[in-house]
Amino acid sequence: MDIKVGEYVRINDDFRLIALGIGKVIRINQDTIYVKMNFELPFAFKIENIAKHSNNLIDLLEVGDYVNGYKAISIDKDAPENCIELDRNNAYEYQFISSKDIKSILTHQQFEANYYKAKGE
């Protein structure tokens, strides 16, 4: 895997094989990669924990991820502006955005691992 400083990466957990998130590579030291995420300090990961890497964020997205707070229901990398279709609040109100409009991403694995589902009692 030929990862470079400045690229974006999607990181997998060694044990649970879920995406820990998406961040930007700030340093590489042999088999360790340092990634800046939403925290002050960078995180260190082994290179084998990198699921995908690219200069373009849209290449790391998967259907089901949350982009700018809305669920991605389709991703068209062949469109002129790399179009992402978002479902706005599950109300059949769809919004199309381009990759340059991405402000935040929450992977669907992060969402599934961290949500609490209240059950009716």
PDB file of N, CA and C in Angstrom:
ATOM      1  N   MET A   1       0.854  -1.175   0.000  1.00  0.00           N
ATOM      2  CA  MET A   1       0.000   0.000   0.000  1.00  0.00           C
ATOM      3  C   MET A   1       0.895   1.232   0.000  1.00  0.00           C
ATOM      4  N   ASP A   2       0.741   2.072  -0.988  1.00  0.00           N
ATOM      5  CA  ASP A   2       1.591   3.246  -1.140  1.00  0.00           C
ATOM      6  C   ASP A   2       0.862   4.493  -0.625  1.00  0.00           C
ATOM      7  N   ILE A   3       0.842   4.646   0.677  1.00  0.00           N
ATOM      8  CA  ILE A   3       0.151   5.772   1.315  1.00  0.00           C
ATOM      9  C   ILE A   3       1.117   6.936   1.436  1.00  0.00           C
ATOM     10  N   LYS A   4       0.597   8.139   1.204  1.00  0.00           N
ATOM     11  CA  LYS A   4       1.435   9.339   1.266  1.00  0.00           C
ATOM     12  C   LYS A   4       0.894  10.323   2.292  1.00  0.00           C
ATOM     13  N   VAL A   5       1.783  11.136   2.842  1.00  0.00           N
ATOM     14  CA  VAL A   5       1.396  12.204   3.752  1.00  0.00           C
ATOM     15  C   VAL A   5       0.461  13.152   3.000  1.00  0.00           C
ATOM     16  N   GLY A   6      -0.620  13.548   3.646  1.00  0.00           N
ATOM     17  CA  GLY A   6      -1.603  14.439   3.042  1.00  0.00           C
ATOM     18  C   GLY A   6      -2.830  13.718   2.500  1.00  0.00           C
ATOM     19  N   GLU A   7      -2.744  12.388   2.354  1.00  0.00           N
ATOM     20  CA  GLU A   7      -3.890  11.624   1.878  1.00  0.00           C
ATOM     21  C   GLU A   7      -4.872  11.393   3.028  1.00  0.00           C
ATOM     22  N   TYR A   8      -6.114  11.098   2.645  1.00  0.00           N
ATOM     23  CA  TYR A   8      -7.139  10.700   3.600  1.00  0.00           C
ATOM     24  C   TYR A   8      -7.133   9.180   3.703  1.00  0.00           C
ATOM     25  N   VAL A   9      -7.453   8.659   4.897  1.00  0.00           N
ATOM     26  CA  VAL A   9      -7.485   7.212   5.104  1.00  0.00           C
ATOM     27  C   VAL A   9      -8.745   6.812   5.856  1.00  0.00           C
ATOM     28  N   ARG A  10      -9.233   5.620   5.566  1.00  0.00           N
ATOM     29  CA  ARG A  10     -10.316   4.986   6.326  1.00  0.00           C
ATOM     30  C   ARG A  10      -9.655   3.893   7.137  1.00  0.00           C
ATOM     31  N   ILE A  11      -9.819   3.942   8.451  1.00  0.00           N
ATOM     32  CA  ILE A  11      -9.072   3.080   9.363  1.00  0.00           C
ATOM     33  C   ILE A  11      -9.967   1.979   9.918  1.00  0.00           C
ATOM     34  N   ASN A  12      -9.469   0.734   9.894  1.00  0.00           N
ATOM     35  CA  ASN A  12     -10.169  -0.408  10.472  1.00  0.00           C
ATOM     36  C   ASN A  12      -9.583  -0.766  11.826  1.00  0.00           C
ATOM     37  N   ASP A  13     -10.426  -1.301  12.698  1.00  0.00           N
ATOM     38  CA  ASP A  13     -10.022  -1.834  13.988  1.00  0.00           C
ATOM     39  C   ASP A  13      -9.472  -3.242  13.752  1.00  0.00           C
ATOM     40  N   ASP A  14      -8.330  -3.550  14.333  1.00  0.00           N
ATOM     41  CA  ASP A  14      -7.710  -4.868  14.180  1.00  0.00           C
ATOM     42  C   ASP A  14      -8.620  -6.012  14.607  1.00  0.00           C
ATOM     43  N   PHE A  15      -9.278  -5.845  15.727  1.00  0.00           N
ATOM     44  CA  PHE A  15      -9.991  -6.961  16.335  1.00  0.00           C
ATOM     45  C   PHE A  15     -11.430  -7.098  15.857  1.00  0.00           C
ATOM     46  N   ARG A  16     -12.123  -5.992  15.738  1.00  0.00           N
ATOM     47  CA  ARG A  16     -13.532  -6.054  15.371  1.00  0.00           C
ATOM     48  C   ARG A  16     -13.754  -5.810  13.888  1.00  0.00           C
ATOM     49  N   LEU A  17     -12.724  -5.424  13.152  1.00  0.00           N
ATOM     50  CA  LEU A  17     -12.797  -5.167  11.721  1.00  0.00           C
ATOM     51  C   LEU A  17     -13.895  -4.158  11.367  1.00  0.00           C
ATOM     52  N   ILE A  18     -14.003  -3.129  12.179  1.00  0.00           N
ATOM     53  CA  ILE A  18     -14.935  -2.052  11.882  1.00  0.00           C
ATOM     54  C   ILE A  18     -14.129  -0.790  11.598  1.00  0.00           C
ATOM     55  N   ALA A  19     -14.741   0.125  10.900  1.00  0.00           N
ATOM     56  CA  ALA A  19     -14.040   1.376  10.589  1.00  0.00           C
ATOM     57  C   ALA A  19     -14.016   2.258  11.827  1.00  0.00           C
ATOM     58  N   LEU A  20     -12.836   2.664  12.223  1.00  0.00           N
ATOM     59  CA  LEU A  20     -12.700   3.574  13.345  1.00  0.00           C
ATOM     60  C   LEU A  20     -12.930   5.011  12.919  1.00  0.00           C
ATOM     61  N   GLY A  21     -12.852   5.258  11.656  1.00  0.00           N
ATOM     62  CA  GLY A  21     -13.088   6.604  11.181  1.00  0.00           C
ATOM     63  C   GLY A  21     -12.227   6.951   9.990  1.00  0.00           C
ATOM     64  N   ILE A  22     -12.314   8.221   9.641  1.00  0.00           N
ATOM     65  CA  ILE A  22     -11.581   8.751   8.506  1.00  0.00           C
ATOM     66  C   ILE A  22     -10.742   9.910   9.000  1.00  0.00           C
ATOM     67  N   GLY A  23      -9.513   9.973   8.566  1.00  0.00           N
ATOM     68  CA  GLY A  23      -8.623  11.052   8.969  1.00  0.00           C
ATOM     69  C   GLY A  23      -7.615  11.356   7.879  1.00  0.00           C
ATOM     70  N   LYS A  24      -6.702  12.276   8.193  1.00  0.00           N
ATOM     71  CA  LYS A  24      -5.697  12.705   7.223  1.00  0.00           C
ATOM     72  C   LYS A  24      -4.309  12.324   7.737  1.00  0.00           C
ATOM     73  N   VAL A  25      -3.512  11.735   6.860  1.00  0.00           N
ATOM     74  CA  VAL A  25      -2.165  11.291   7.216  1.00  0.00           C
ATOM     75  C   VAL A  25      -1.266  12.512   7.394  1.00  0.00           C
ATOM     76  N   ILE A  26      -0.598  12.571   8.570  1.00  0.00           N
ATOM     77  CA  ILE A  26       0.317  13.689   8.804  1.00  0.00           C
ATOM     78  C   ILE A  26       1.773  13.236   8.886  1.00  0.00           C
ATOM     79  N   ARG A  27       1.993  11.918   9.097  1.00  0.00           N
ATOM     80  CA  ARG A  27       3.363  11.414   9.160  1.00  0.00           C
ATOM     81  C   ARG A  27       3.350   9.902   8.992  1.00  0.00           C
ATOM     82  N   ILE A  28       4.417   9.373   8.401  1.00  0.00           N
ATOM     83  CA  ILE A  28       4.586   7.932   8.246  1.00  0.00           C
ATOM     84  C   ILE A  28       5.984   7.581   8.721  1.00  0.00           C
ATOM     85  N   ASN A  29       6.060   6.553   9.573  1.00  0.00           N
ATOM     86  CA  ASN A  29       7.336   6.110  10.114  1.00  0.00           C
ATOM     87  C   ASN A  29       7.388   4.587  10.024  1.00  0.00           C
ATOM     88  N   GLN A  30       8.069   4.054   9.038  1.00  0.00           N
ATOM     89  CA  GLN A  30       8.176   2.620   8.759  1.00  0.00           C
ATOM     90  C   GLN A  30       6.793   1.999   8.614  1.00  0.00           C
ATOM     91  N   ASP A  31       6.347   1.178   9.584  1.00  0.00           N
ATOM     92  CA  ASP A  31       5.040   0.517   9.468  1.00  0.00           C
ATOM     93  C   ASP A  31       3.957   1.213  10.301  1.00  0.00           C
ATOM     94  N   THR A  32       4.252   2.408  10.791  1.00  0.00           N
ATOM     95  CA  THR A  32       3.292   3.179  11.580  1.00  0.00           C
ATOM     96  C   THR A  32       2.882   4.429  10.829  1.00  0.00           C
ATOM     97  N   ILE A  33       1.604   4.718  10.888  1.00  0.00           N
ATOM     98  CA  ILE A  33       1.061   5.884  10.207  1.00  0.00           C
ATOM     99  C   ILE A  33       0.390   6.769  11.255  1.00  0.00           C
ATOM    100  N   TYR A  34       0.607   8.066  11.180  1.00  0.00           N
ATOM    101  CA  TYR A  34       0.035   9.015  12.134  1.00  0.00           C
ATOM    102  C   TYR A  34      -1.073   9.781  11.434  1.00  0.00           C
ATOM    103  N   VAL A  35      -2.262   9.719  12.031  1.00  0.00           N
ATOM    104  CA  VAL A  35      -3.457  10.255  11.390  1.00  0.00           C
ATOM    105  C   VAL A  35      -4.095  11.314  12.285  1.00  0.00           C
ATOM    106  N   LYS A  36      -4.389  12.451  11.685  1.00  0.00           N
ATOM    107  CA  LYS A  36      -5.098  13.528  12.372  1.00  0.00           C
ATOM    108  C   LYS A  36      -6.576  13.310  12.152  1.00  0.00           C
ATOM    109  N   MET A  37      -7.294  13.165  13.262  1.00  0.00           N
ATOM    110  CA  MET A  37      -8.737  12.999  13.175  1.00  0.00           C
ATOM    111  C   MET A  37      -9.370  14.239  13.799  1.00  0.00           C
ATOM    112  N   ASN A  38     -10.403  14.103  14.584  1.00  0.00           N
ATOM    113  CA  ASN A  38     -11.066  15.263  15.184  1.00  0.00           C
ATOM    114  C   ASN A  38     -10.516  15.619  16.554  1.00  0.00           C
ATOM    115  N   PHE A  39      -9.341  15.180  16.869  1.00  0.00           N
ATOM    116  CA  PHE A  39      -8.770  15.412  18.186  1.00  0.00           C
ATOM    117  C   PHE A  39      -7.489  16.220  18.051  1.00  0.00           C
ATOM    118  N   GLU A  40      -7.027  16.773  19.163  1.00  0.00           N
ATOM    119  CA  GLU A  40      -5.812  17.584  19.143  1.00  0.00           C
ATOM    120  C   GLU A  40      -4.585  16.770  18.720  1.00  0.00           C
ATOM    121  N   LEU A  41      -4.419  15.598  19.323  1.00  0.00           N
ATOM    122  CA  LEU A  41      -3.240  14.783  19.048  1.00  0.00           C
ATOM    123  C   LEU A  41      -3.520  13.762  17.952  1.00  0.00           C
ATOM    124  N   PRO A  42      -2.537  13.489  17.118  1.00  0.00           N
ATOM    125  CA  PRO A  42      -2.741  12.464  16.078  1.00  0.00           C
ATOM    126  C   PRO A  42      -2.723  11.062  16.696  1.00  0.00           C
ATOM    127  N   PHE A  43      -3.370  10.137  16.024  1.00  0.00           N
ATOM    128  CA  PHE A  43      -3.375   8.740  16.438  1.00  0.00           C
ATOM    129  C   PHE A  43      -2.382   7.969  15.591  1.00  0.00           C
ATOM    130  N   ALA A  44      -1.749   6.974  16.192  1.00  0.00           N
ATOM    131  CA  ALA A  44      -0.808   6.116  15.472  1.00  0.00           C
ATOM    132  C   ALA A  44      -1.493   4.781  15.169  1.00  0.00           C
ATOM    133  N   PHE A  45      -1.370   4.326  13.941  1.00  0.00           N
ATOM    134  CA  PHE A  45      -1.944   3.056  13.512  1.00  0.00           C
ATOM    135  C   PHE A  45      -0.907   2.288  12.716  1.00  0.00           C
ATOM    136  N   LYS A  46      -1.040   0.992  12.708  1.00  0.00           N
ATOM    137  CA  LYS A  46      -0.220   0.174  11.823  1.00  0.00           C
ATOM    138  C   LYS A  46      -0.781   0.313  10.410  1.00  0.00           C
ATOM    139  N   ILE A  47       0.092   0.272   9.426  1.00  0.00           N
ATOM    140  CA  ILE A  47      -0.336   0.456   8.043  1.00  0.00           C
ATOM    141  C   ILE A  47      -1.375  -0.585   7.637  1.00  0.00           C
ATOM    142  N   GLU A  48      -1.304  -1.788   8.186  1.00  0.00           N
ATOM    143  CA  GLU A  48      -2.293  -2.810   7.826  1.00  0.00           C
ATOM    144  C   GLU A  48      -3.698  -2.489   8.333  1.00  0.00           C
ATOM    145  N   ASN A  49      -3.845  -1.481   9.198  1.00  0.00           N
ATOM    146  CA  ASN A  49      -5.162  -1.049   9.663  1.00  0.00           C
ATOM    147  C   ASN A  49      -5.860  -0.107   8.673  1.00  0.00           C
ATOM    148  N   ILE A  50      -5.170   0.275   7.620  1.00  0.00           N
ATOM    149  CA  ILE A  50      -5.748   1.189   6.648  1.00  0.00           C
ATOM    150  C   ILE A  50      -6.572   0.391   5.642  1.00  0.00           C
ATOM    151  N   ALA A  51      -7.880   0.667   5.603  1.00  0.00           N
ATOM    152  CA  ALA A  51      -8.774  -0.034   4.682  1.00  0.00           C
ATOM    153  C   ALA A  51      -8.698   0.569   3.282  1.00  0.00           C
ATOM    154  N   LYS A  52      -8.696   1.914   3.222  1.00  0.00           N
ATOM    155  CA  LYS A  52      -8.648   2.622   1.936  1.00  0.00           C
ATOM    156  C   LYS A  52      -7.865   3.902   2.145  1.00  0.00           C
ATOM    157  N   HIS A  53      -7.283   4.409   1.063  1.00  0.00           N
ATOM    158  CA  HIS A  53      -6.618   5.711   1.124  1.00  0.00           C
ATOM    159  C   HIS A  53      -6.784   6.407  -0.216  1.00  0.00           C
ATOM    160  N   SER A  54      -6.856   7.741  -0.155  1.00  0.00           N
ATOM    161  CA  SER A  54      -7.043   8.513  -1.380  1.00  0.00           C
ATOM    162  C   SER A  54      -6.826   9.992  -1.092  1.00  0.00           C
ATOM    163  N   ASN A  55      -6.572  10.753  -2.153  1.00  0.00           N
ATOM    164  CA  ASN A  55      -6.517  12.211  -2.036  1.00  0.00           C
ATOM    165  C   ASN A  55      -7.918  12.818  -2.020  1.00  0.00           C
ATOM    166  N   ASN A  56      -8.912  12.035  -2.414  1.00  0.00           N
ATOM    167  CA  ASN A  56     -10.284  12.515  -2.517  1.00  0.00           C
ATOM    168  C   ASN A  56     -11.149  11.798  -1.486  1.00  0.00           C
ATOM    169  N   LEU A  57     -11.806  12.551  -0.609  1.00  0.00           N
ATOM    170  CA  LEU A  57     -12.641  11.964   0.435  1.00  0.00           C
ATOM    171  C   LEU A  57     -13.726  11.044  -0.104  1.00  0.00           C
ATOM    172  N   ILE A  58     -14.297  11.375  -1.238  1.00  0.00           N
ATOM    173  CA  ILE A  58     -15.408  10.566  -1.755  1.00  0.00           C
ATOM    174  C   ILE A  58     -14.983   9.124  -2.023  1.00  0.00           C
ATOM    175  N   ASP A  59     -13.720   8.894  -2.309  1.00  0.00           N
ATOM    176  CA  ASP A  59     -13.228   7.537  -2.557  1.00  0.00           C
ATOM    177  C   ASP A  59     -13.300   6.665  -1.306  1.00  0.00           C
ATOM    178  N   LEU A  60     -13.373   7.279  -0.137  1.00  0.00           N
ATOM    179  CA  LEU A  60     -13.409   6.540   1.126  1.00  0.00           C
ATOM    180  C   LEU A  60     -14.822   6.287   1.623  1.00  0.00           C
ATOM    181  N   LEU A  61     -15.792   6.977   1.043  1.00  0.00           N
ATOM    182  CA  LEU A  61     -17.173   6.858   1.500  1.00  0.00           C
ATOM    183  C   LEU A  61     -17.804   5.551   1.067  1.00  0.00           C
ATOM    184  N   GLU A  62     -18.737   5.091   1.888  1.00  0.00           N
ATOM    185  CA  GLU A  62     -19.541   3.922   1.577  1.00  0.00           C
ATOM    186  C   GLU A  62     -21.000   4.289   1.793  1.00  0.00           C
ATOM    187  N   VAL A  63     -21.886   3.644   1.052  1.00  0.00           N
ATOM    188  CA  VAL A  63     -23.313   3.846   1.267  1.00  0.00           C
ATOM    189  C   VAL A  63     -23.611   3.487   2.720  1.00  0.00           C
ATOM    190  N   GLY A  64     -24.375   4.330   3.383  1.00  0.00           N
ATOM    191  CA  GLY A  64     -24.694   4.123   4.796  1.00  0.00           C
ATOM    192  C   GLY A  64     -23.895   5.029   5.714  1.00  0.00           C
ATOM    193  N   ASP A  65     -22.784   5.582   5.234  1.00  0.00           N
ATOM    194  CA  ASP A  65     -22.036   6.553   6.024  1.00  0.00           C
ATOM    195  C   ASP A  65     -22.863   7.828   6.147  1.00  0.00           C
ATOM    196  N   TYR A  66     -22.562   8.620   7.149  1.00  0.00           N
ATOM    197  CA  TYR A  66     -23.267   9.884   7.358  1.00  0.00           C
ATOM    198  C   TYR A  66     -22.356  11.029   6.923  1.00  0.00           C
ATOM    199  N   VAL A  67     -22.841  11.820   5.996  1.00  0.00           N
ATOM    200  CA  VAL A  67     -22.092  12.945   5.446  1.00  0.00           C
ATOM    201  C   VAL A  67     -22.850  14.217   5.795  1.00  0.00           C
ATOM    202  N   ASN A  68     -22.176  15.139   6.456  1.00  0.00           N
ATOM    203  CA  ASN A  68     -22.796  16.396   6.887  1.00  0.00           C
ATOM    204  C   ASN A  68     -24.064  16.141   7.700  1.00  0.00           C
ATOM    205  N   GLY A  69     -24.099  15.031   8.422  1.00  0.00           N
ATOM    206  CA  GLY A  69     -25.225  14.707   9.289  1.00  0.00           C
ATOM    207  C   GLY A  69     -26.338  13.903   8.644  1.00  0.00           C
ATOM    208  N   TYR A  70     -26.220  13.577   7.351  1.00  0.00           N
ATOM    209  CA  TYR A  70     -27.261  12.841   6.641  1.00  0.00           C
ATOM    210  C   TYR A  70     -26.700  11.547   6.065  1.00  0.00           C
ATOM    211  N   LYS A  71     -27.552  10.543   6.001  1.00  0.00           N
ATOM    212  CA  LYS A  71     -27.146   9.228   5.521  1.00  0.00           C
ATOM    213  C   LYS A  71     -26.948   9.235   4.009  1.00  0.00           C
ATOM    214  N   ALA A  72     -25.792   8.733   3.571  1.00  0.00           N
ATOM    215  CA  ALA A  72     -25.507   8.613   2.136  1.00  0.00           C
ATOM    216  C   ALA A  72     -26.232   7.393   1.603  1.00  0.00           C
ATOM    217  N   ILE A  73     -27.088   7.602   0.591  1.00  0.00           N
ATOM    218  CA  ILE A  73     -27.824   6.478   0.022  1.00  0.00           C
ATOM    219  C   ILE A  73     -27.305   6.073  -1.352  1.00  0.00           C
ATOM    220  N   SER A  74     -26.502   6.946  -1.962  1.00  0.00           N
ATOM    221  CA  SER A  74     -25.806   6.561  -3.187  1.00  0.00           C
ATOM    222  C   SER A  74     -24.592   7.468  -3.371  1.00  0.00           C
ATOM    223  N   ILE A  75     -23.593   6.923  -4.024  1.00  0.00           N
ATOM    224  CA  ILE A  75     -22.355   7.659  -4.285  1.00  0.00           C
ATOM    225  C   ILE A  75     -22.012   7.420  -5.746  1.00  0.00           C
ATOM    226  N   ASP A  76     -21.920   8.493  -6.513  1.00  0.00           N
ATOM    227  CA  ASP A  76     -21.637   8.380  -7.940  1.00  0.00           C
ATOM    228  C   ASP A  76     -20.279   9.012  -8.228  1.00  0.00           C
ATOM    229  N   LYS A  77     -19.259   8.180  -8.285  1.00  0.00           N
ATOM    230  CA  LYS A  77     -17.901   8.671  -8.524  1.00  0.00           C
ATOM    231  C   LYS A  77     -17.659   9.005  -9.992  1.00  0.00           C
ATOM    232  N   ASP A  78     -18.605   8.636 -10.866  1.00  0.00           N
ATOM    233  CA  ASP A  78     -18.466   8.931 -12.294  1.00  0.00           C
ATOM    234  C   ASP A  78     -19.106  10.257 -12.690  1.00  0.00           C
ATOM    235  N   ALA A  79     -19.888  10.844 -11.780  1.00  0.00           N
ATOM    236  CA  ALA A  79     -20.518  12.142 -12.069  1.00  0.00           C
ATOM    237  C   ALA A  79     -19.434  13.212 -12.134  1.00  0.00           C
ATOM    238  N   PRO A  80     -19.689  14.289 -12.864  1.00  0.00           N
ATOM    239  CA  PRO A  80     -18.665  15.339 -13.016  1.00  0.00           C
ATOM    240  C   PRO A  80     -18.145  15.896 -11.681  1.00  0.00           C
ATOM    241  N   GLU A  81     -19.018  16.008 -10.700  1.00  0.00           N
ATOM    242  CA  GLU A  81     -18.610  16.555  -9.401  1.00  0.00           C
ATOM    243  C   GLU A  81     -18.602  15.486  -8.315  1.00  0.00           C
ATOM    244  N   ASN A  82     -18.525  14.197  -8.667  1.00  0.00           N
ATOM    245  CA  ASN A  82     -18.564  13.125  -7.678  1.00  0.00           C
ATOM    246  C   ASN A  82     -19.749  13.299  -6.744  1.00  0.00           C
ATOM    247  N   CYS A  83     -20.909  12.977  -7.192  1.00  0.00           N
ATOM    248  CA  CYS A  83     -22.164  13.275  -6.518  1.00  0.00           C
ATOM    249  C   CYS A  83     -22.477  12.281  -5.402  1.00  0.00           C
ATOM    250  N   ILE A  84     -22.912  12.800  -4.264  1.00  0.00           N
ATOM    251  CA  ILE A  84     -23.353  11.990  -3.138  1.00  0.00           C
ATOM    252  C   ILE A  84     -24.828  12.320  -2.910  1.00  0.00           C
ATOM    253  N   GLU A  85     -25.667  11.287  -2.863  1.00  0.00           N
ATOM    254  CA  GLU A  85     -27.090  11.508  -2.590  1.00  0.00           C
ATOM    255  C   GLU A  85     -27.334  11.230  -1.119  1.00  0.00           C
ATOM    256  N   LEU A  86     -27.889  12.214  -0.417  1.00  0.00           N
ATOM    257  CA  LEU A  86     -28.139  12.113   1.015  1.00  0.00           C
ATOM    258  C   LEU A  86     -29.632  12.045   1.285  1.00  0.00           C
ATOM    259  N   ASP A  87     -30.005  11.207   2.252  1.00  0.00           N
ATOM    260  CA  ASP A  87     -31.401  11.117   2.688  1.00  0.00           C
ATOM    261  C   ASP A  87     -31.565  12.059   3.875  1.00  0.00           C
ATOM    262  N   ARG A  88     -32.334  13.092   3.700  1.00  0.00           N
ATOM    263  CA  ARG A  88     -32.531  14.088   4.750  1.00  0.00           C
ATOM    264  C   ARG A  88     -33.633  13.629   5.696  1.00  0.00           C
ATOM    265  N   ASN A  89     -33.212  13.070   6.827  1.00  0.00           N
ATOM    266  CA  ASN A  89     -34.119  12.683   7.913  1.00  0.00           C
ATOM    267  C   ASN A  89     -35.111  11.582   7.560  1.00  0.00           C
ATOM    268  N   ASN A  90     -34.735  10.674   6.687  1.00  0.00           N
ATOM    269  CA  ASN A  90     -35.582   9.543   6.305  1.00  0.00           C
ATOM    270  C   ASN A  90     -36.972   9.985   5.854  1.00  0.00           C
ATOM    271  N   ALA A  91     -37.075  11.145   5.254  1.00  0.00           N
ATOM    272  CA  ALA A  91     -38.374  11.688   4.861  1.00  0.00           C
ATOM    273  C   ALA A  91     -38.508  11.764   3.344  1.00  0.00           C
ATOM    274  N   TYR A  92     -37.734  10.977   2.633  1.00  0.00           N
ATOM    275  CA  TYR A  92     -37.721  11.008   1.182  1.00  0.00           C
ATOM    276  C   TYR A  92     -37.443  12.408   0.640  1.00  0.00           C
ATOM    277  N   GLU A  93     -36.685  13.165   1.405  1.00  0.00           N
ATOM    278  CA  GLU A  93     -36.210  14.478   0.960  1.00  0.00           C
ATOM    279  C   GLU A  93     -34.727  14.301   0.661  1.00  0.00           C
ATOM    280  N   TYR A  94     -34.378  14.205  -0.599  1.00  0.00           N
ATOM    281  CA  TYR A  94     -33.012  13.898  -0.965  1.00  0.00           C
ATOM    282  C   TYR A  94     -32.249  15.157  -1.340  1.00  0.00           C
ATOM    283  N   GLN A  95     -30.974  15.115  -1.069  1.00  0.00           N
ATOM    284  CA  GLN A  95     -30.097  16.231  -1.400  1.00  0.00           C
ATOM    285  C   GLN A  95     -28.877  15.649  -2.088  1.00  0.00           C
ATOM    286  N   PHE A  96     -28.457  16.274  -3.166  1.00  0.00           N
ATOM    287  CA  PHE A  96     -27.242  15.853  -3.857  1.00  0.00           C
ATOM    288  C   PHE A  96     -26.158  16.868  -3.545  1.00  0.00           C
ATOM    289  N   ILE A  97     -24.992  16.381  -3.149  1.00  0.00           N
ATOM    290  CA  ILE A  97     -23.867  17.274  -2.906  1.00  0.00           C
ATOM    291  C   ILE A  97     -22.646  16.746  -3.645  1.00  0.00           C
ATOM    292  N   SER A  98     -21.687  17.609  -3.874  1.00  0.00           N
ATOM    293  CA  SER A  98     -20.445  17.174  -4.514  1.00  0.00           C
ATOM    294  C   SER A  98     -19.403  16.932  -3.437  1.00  0.00           C
ATOM    295  N   SER A  99     -18.317  16.305  -3.808  1.00  0.00           N
ATOM    296  CA  SER A  99     -17.274  15.975  -2.836  1.00  0.00           C
ATOM    297  C   SER A  99     -16.685  17.224  -2.183  1.00  0.00           C
ATOM    298  N   LYS A 100     -16.692  18.340  -2.891  1.00  0.00           N
ATOM    299  CA  LYS A 100     -16.120  19.561  -2.312  1.00  0.00           C
ATOM    300  C   LYS A 100     -16.999  20.140  -1.200  1.00  0.00           C
ATOM    301  N   ASP A 101     -18.252  19.659  -1.092  1.00  0.00           N
ATOM    302  CA  ASP A 101     -19.171  20.147  -0.063  1.00  0.00           C
ATOM    303  C   ASP A 101     -19.163  19.296   1.206  1.00  0.00           C
ATOM    304  N   ILE A 102     -18.302  18.296   1.277  1.00  0.00           N
ATOM    305  CA  ILE A 102     -18.222  17.447   2.458  1.00  0.00           C
ATOM    306  C   ILE A 102     -17.623  18.245   3.610  1.00  0.00           C
ATOM    307  N   LYS A 103     -18.363  18.279   4.729  1.00  0.00           N
ATOM    308  CA  LYS A 103     -17.893  18.971   5.934  1.00  0.00           C
ATOM    309  C   LYS A 103     -17.581  17.980   7.054  1.00  0.00           C
ATOM    310  N   SER A 104     -18.347  16.889   7.129  1.00  0.00           N
ATOM    311  CA  SER A 104     -18.139  15.894   8.181  1.00  0.00           C
ATOM    312  C   SER A 104     -18.557  14.515   7.682  1.00  0.00           C
ATOM    313  N   ILE A 105     -17.919  13.488   8.250  1.00  0.00           N
ATOM    314  CA  ILE A 105     -18.227  12.100   7.899  1.00  0.00           C
ATOM    315  C   ILE A 105     -18.258  11.277   9.176  1.00  0.00           C
ATOM    316  N   LEU A 106     -19.281  10.455   9.311  1.00  0.00           N
ATOM    317  CA  LEU A 106     -19.365   9.456  10.363  1.00  0.00           C
ATOM    318  C   LEU A 106     -19.590   8.136   9.646  1.00  0.00           C
ATOM    319  N   THR A 107     -18.658   7.198   9.790  1.00  0.00           N
ATOM    320  CA  THR A 107     -18.811   5.932   9.078  1.00  0.00           C
ATOM    321  C   THR A 107     -20.009   5.172   9.633  1.00  0.00           C
ATOM    322  N   HIS A 108     -20.630   4.360   8.789  1.00  0.00           N
ATOM    323  CA  HIS A 108     -21.783   3.594   9.256  1.00  0.00           C
ATOM    324  C   HIS A 108     -21.380   2.618  10.352  1.00  0.00           C
ATOM    325  N   GLN A 109     -20.133   2.145  10.344  1.00  0.00           N
ATOM    326  CA  GLN A 109     -19.671   1.262  11.412  1.00  0.00           C
ATOM    327  C   GLN A 109     -19.569   2.015  12.738  1.00  0.00           C
ATOM    328  N   GLN A 110     -19.097   3.273  12.698  1.00  0.00           N
ATOM    329  CA  GLN A 110     -19.042   4.081  13.912  1.00  0.00           C
ATOM    330  C   GLN A 110     -20.448   4.298  14.462  1.00  0.00           C
ATOM    331  N   PHE A 111     -21.382   4.600  13.581  1.00  0.00           N
ATOM    332  CA  PHE A 111     -22.758   4.825  14.000  1.00  0.00           C
ATOM    333  C   PHE A 111     -23.324   3.569  14.649  1.00  0.00           C
ATOM    334  N   GLU A 112     -23.173   2.421  13.989  1.00  0.00           N
ATOM    335  CA  GLU A 112     -23.729   1.172  14.493  1.00  0.00           C
ATOM    336  C   GLU A 112     -23.086   0.751  15.810  1.00  0.00           C
ATOM    337  N   ALA A 113     -21.807   1.047  16.000  1.00  0.00           N
ATOM    338  CA  ALA A 113     -21.110   0.657  17.216  1.00  0.00           C
ATOM    339  C   ALA A 113     -21.443   1.558  18.408  1.00  0.00           C
ATOM    340  N   ASN A 114     -21.965   2.753  18.142  1.00  0.00           N
ATOM    341  CA  ASN A 114     -22.121   3.716  19.226  1.00  0.00           C
ATOM    342  C   ASN A 114     -23.543   4.204  19.481  1.00  0.00           C
ATOM    343  N   TYR A 115     -24.525   3.687  18.777  1.00  0.00           N
ATOM    344  CA  TYR A 115     -25.873   4.189  19.032  1.00  0.00           C
ATOM    345  C   TYR A 115     -26.565   3.342  20.090  1.00  0.00           C
ATOM    346  N   TYR A 116     -27.521   3.937  20.744  1.00  0.00           N
ATOM    347  CA  TYR A 116     -28.358   3.229  21.715  1.00  0.00           C
ATOM    348  C   TYR A 116     -29.755   3.181  21.160  1.00  0.00           C
ATOM    349  N   LYS A 117     -30.330   1.992  21.082  1.00  0.00           N
ATOM    350  CA  LYS A 117     -31.681   1.854  20.568  1.00  0.00           C
ATOM    351  C   LYS A 117     -32.619   1.626  21.741  1.00  0.00           C
ATOM    352  N   ALA A 118     -33.487   2.586  21.972  1.00  0.00           N
ATOM    353  CA  ALA A 118     -34.454   2.473  23.059  1.00  0.00           C
ATOM    354  C   ALA A 118     -35.561   1.501  22.630  1.00  0.00           C
ATOM    355  N   LYS A 119     -35.897   0.606  23.521  1.00  0.00           N
ATOM    356  CA  LYS A 119     -36.970  -0.369  23.246  1.00  0.00           C
ATOM    357  C   LYS A 119     -38.200   0.022  24.050  1.00  0.00           C
ATOM    358  N   GLY A 120     -39.342  -0.117  23.434  1.00  0.00           N
ATOM    359  CA  GLY A 120     -40.594   0.144  24.156  1.00  0.00           C
ATOM    360  C   GLY A 120     -40.796  -0.893  25.247  1.00  0.00           C
ATOM    361  N   GLU A 121     -41.179  -0.442  26.419  1.00  0.00           N
ATOM    362  CA  GLU A 121     -41.378  -1.383  27.528  1.00  0.00           C
ATOM    363  C   GLU A 121     -42.815  -1.431  27.940  1.00  0.00           C
TER     364      GLU A 121
END
